[in-house]
Protein backbone atom coordinates (compact mmCIF):
# COMPACT_ATOMS: atom_id res chain seq x y z
CA MET A 1 -8.64 -7.68 27.69
CA ILE A 2 -7.44 -4.37 26.30
CA LYS A 3 -4.53 -4.63 23.86
CA PRO A 4 -3.32 -1.61 21.89
CA SER A 5 -2.44 -2.16 18.25
CA LYS A 6 -0.90 -0.53 15.24
CA VAL A 7 -3.58 -0.02 12.55
CA VAL A 8 -2.90 -0.54 8.83
CA PHE A 9 -4.92 -0.94 5.66
CA ILE A 10 -4.51 -4.39 4.08
CA SER A 11 -3.53 -2.79 0.75
CA ASP A 12 -2.35 0.52 -0.70
CA GLU A 13 -5.49 0.51 -2.87
CA LEU A 14 -7.75 0.35 0.19
CA GLU A 15 -5.82 3.18 1.84
CA LYS A 16 -6.21 5.27 -1.35
CA ASP A 17 -9.98 4.59 -1.30
CA PHE A 18 -10.05 5.84 2.30
CA ASN A 19 -8.06 8.96 1.43
CA LYS A 20 -10.46 9.73 -1.45
CA LEU A 21 -13.40 10.01 0.96
CA LYS A 22 -14.38 13.61 1.75
CA GLU A 23 -13.47 14.81 5.25
CA GLU A 24 -17.12 15.52 6.08
CA ASP A 25 -18.26 12.04 4.96
CA PRO A 26 -19.78 10.28 8.01
CA ILE A 27 -18.21 6.99 6.86
CA LYS A 28 -14.72 8.55 6.78
CA ARG A 29 -15.32 10.00 10.25
CA GLY A 30 -16.48 6.57 11.41
CA ILE A 31 -13.36 4.90 10.00
CA ILE A 32 -11.17 7.51 11.69
CA ARG A 33 -12.96 6.75 14.99
CA ALA A 34 -12.50 3.01 14.34
CA ILE A 35 -8.76 3.51 13.77
CA LYS A 36 -8.50 5.48 17.03
CA ASP A 37 -10.45 2.79 18.92
CA LEU A 38 -8.38 -0.04 17.39
CA LYS A 39 -5.14 1.73 18.34
CA GLU A 40 -6.37 1.73 21.93
CA ASN A 41 -7.81 -1.80 21.86
CA ALA A 42 -7.51 -4.28 18.97
CA PHE A 43 -10.37 -6.31 20.46
CA CYS A 44 -12.96 -3.50 20.54
CA GLY A 45 -14.96 -4.97 17.65
CA ILE A 46 -17.22 -8.01 17.51
CA GLN A 47 -15.48 -11.29 16.70
CA ILE A 48 -16.95 -13.20 13.77
CA PRO A 49 -17.09 -17.02 14.04
CA LYS A 50 -14.66 -18.89 11.75
CA ARG A 51 -17.50 -20.70 9.97
CA LEU A 52 -18.70 -17.31 8.67
CA PHE A 53 -15.34 -16.13 7.25
CA PRO A 54 -15.62 -15.26 3.54
CA LYS A 55 -13.48 -17.78 1.65
CA GLU A 56 -11.82 -15.00 -0.35
CA TYR A 57 -10.38 -13.50 2.88
CA ILE A 58 -8.84 -16.84 3.82
CA GLN A 59 -7.44 -17.40 0.31
CA LYS A 60 -6.24 -13.84 -0.30
CA TYR A 61 -5.01 -12.86 3.16
CA GLY A 62 -4.65 -16.15 5.06
CA ILE A 63 -6.67 -14.79 7.99
CA ASN A 64 -7.40 -16.87 11.09
CA ASN A 65 -9.55 -14.25 12.87
CA LEU A 66 -12.08 -11.70 11.71
CA TRP A 67 -13.66 -8.78 13.53
CA LYS A 68 -16.49 -6.37 12.73
CA TYR A 69 -16.64 -2.74 13.78
CA ASP A 70 -19.94 -0.92 13.31
CA LEU A 71 -19.76 2.37 11.41
CA PRO A 72 -22.47 5.05 11.05
CA ASN A 73 -25.59 4.47 8.93
CA GLY A 74 -25.42 0.67 9.13
CA TRP A 75 -21.99 0.45 7.48
CA ARG A 76 -19.47 -2.17 8.67
CA LEU A 77 -15.69 -2.31 8.80
CA LEU A 78 -13.96 -5.71 8.82
CA TYR A 79 -10.48 -6.23 10.18
CA THR A 80 -8.12 -8.96 11.28
CA ILE A 81 -5.57 -8.95 14.10
CA THR A 82 -2.03 -10.24 13.60
CA PRO A 83 0.99 -10.21 15.88
CA GLU A 84 3.69 -7.77 14.81
CA ASN A 85 6.06 -9.29 17.34
CA GLU A 86 5.78 -10.91 20.76
CA VAL A 87 4.43 -7.74 22.35
CA GLU A 88 2.66 -5.71 19.65
CA LEU A 89 -0.42 -6.37 17.53
CA ILE A 90 -1.49 -5.09 14.14
CA SER A 91 -5.13 -4.49 13.26
CA ALA A 92 -5.37 -4.75 9.46
CA ILE A 93 -8.46 -3.17 7.91
CA LEU A 94 -9.78 -5.46 5.17
CA GLU A 95 -12.88 -3.71 3.90
CA TRP A 96 -15.82 -1.47 4.74
CA PHE A 97 -19.23 -1.47 3.15
CA ASN A 98 -22.92 -0.78 3.67
CA HIS A 99 -25.16 -3.31 5.37
CA LYS A 100 -26.47 -4.78 2.10
CA GLU A 101 -22.95 -5.41 0.76
CA TYR A 102 -21.86 -6.73 4.17
CA ALA A 103 -24.75 -9.21 4.20
CA LYS A 104 -23.81 -10.34 0.68
CA ARG A 105 -20.11 -10.75 1.56
CA MET A 106 -20.96 -12.69 4.74
CA ARG A 107 -23.63 -14.76 2.92
CA TYR A 108 -26.42 -13.86 5.34
């Protein structure tokens, strides 16, 4: 199922971190591509099973779904999907990190 979505950063701080990345940074380019893909289809990532959700995401953001989008060089972007209204969805970017930090966050 293809469902377009509005894409936001979960916090102003996270958006500032994104804006600080240099334009030529492959991670920034990957995030820009992720945002474009998520705008076209909120479900383009890989859904993460509930049992693997980091507890801090549940406590801090009250998420009930979690998705992973693969970035260049083994980096990962995590996002959640929430309804904006009956018709529209929001994809909220929670975090991005390298594979080692991702594995630590997900307790692999």
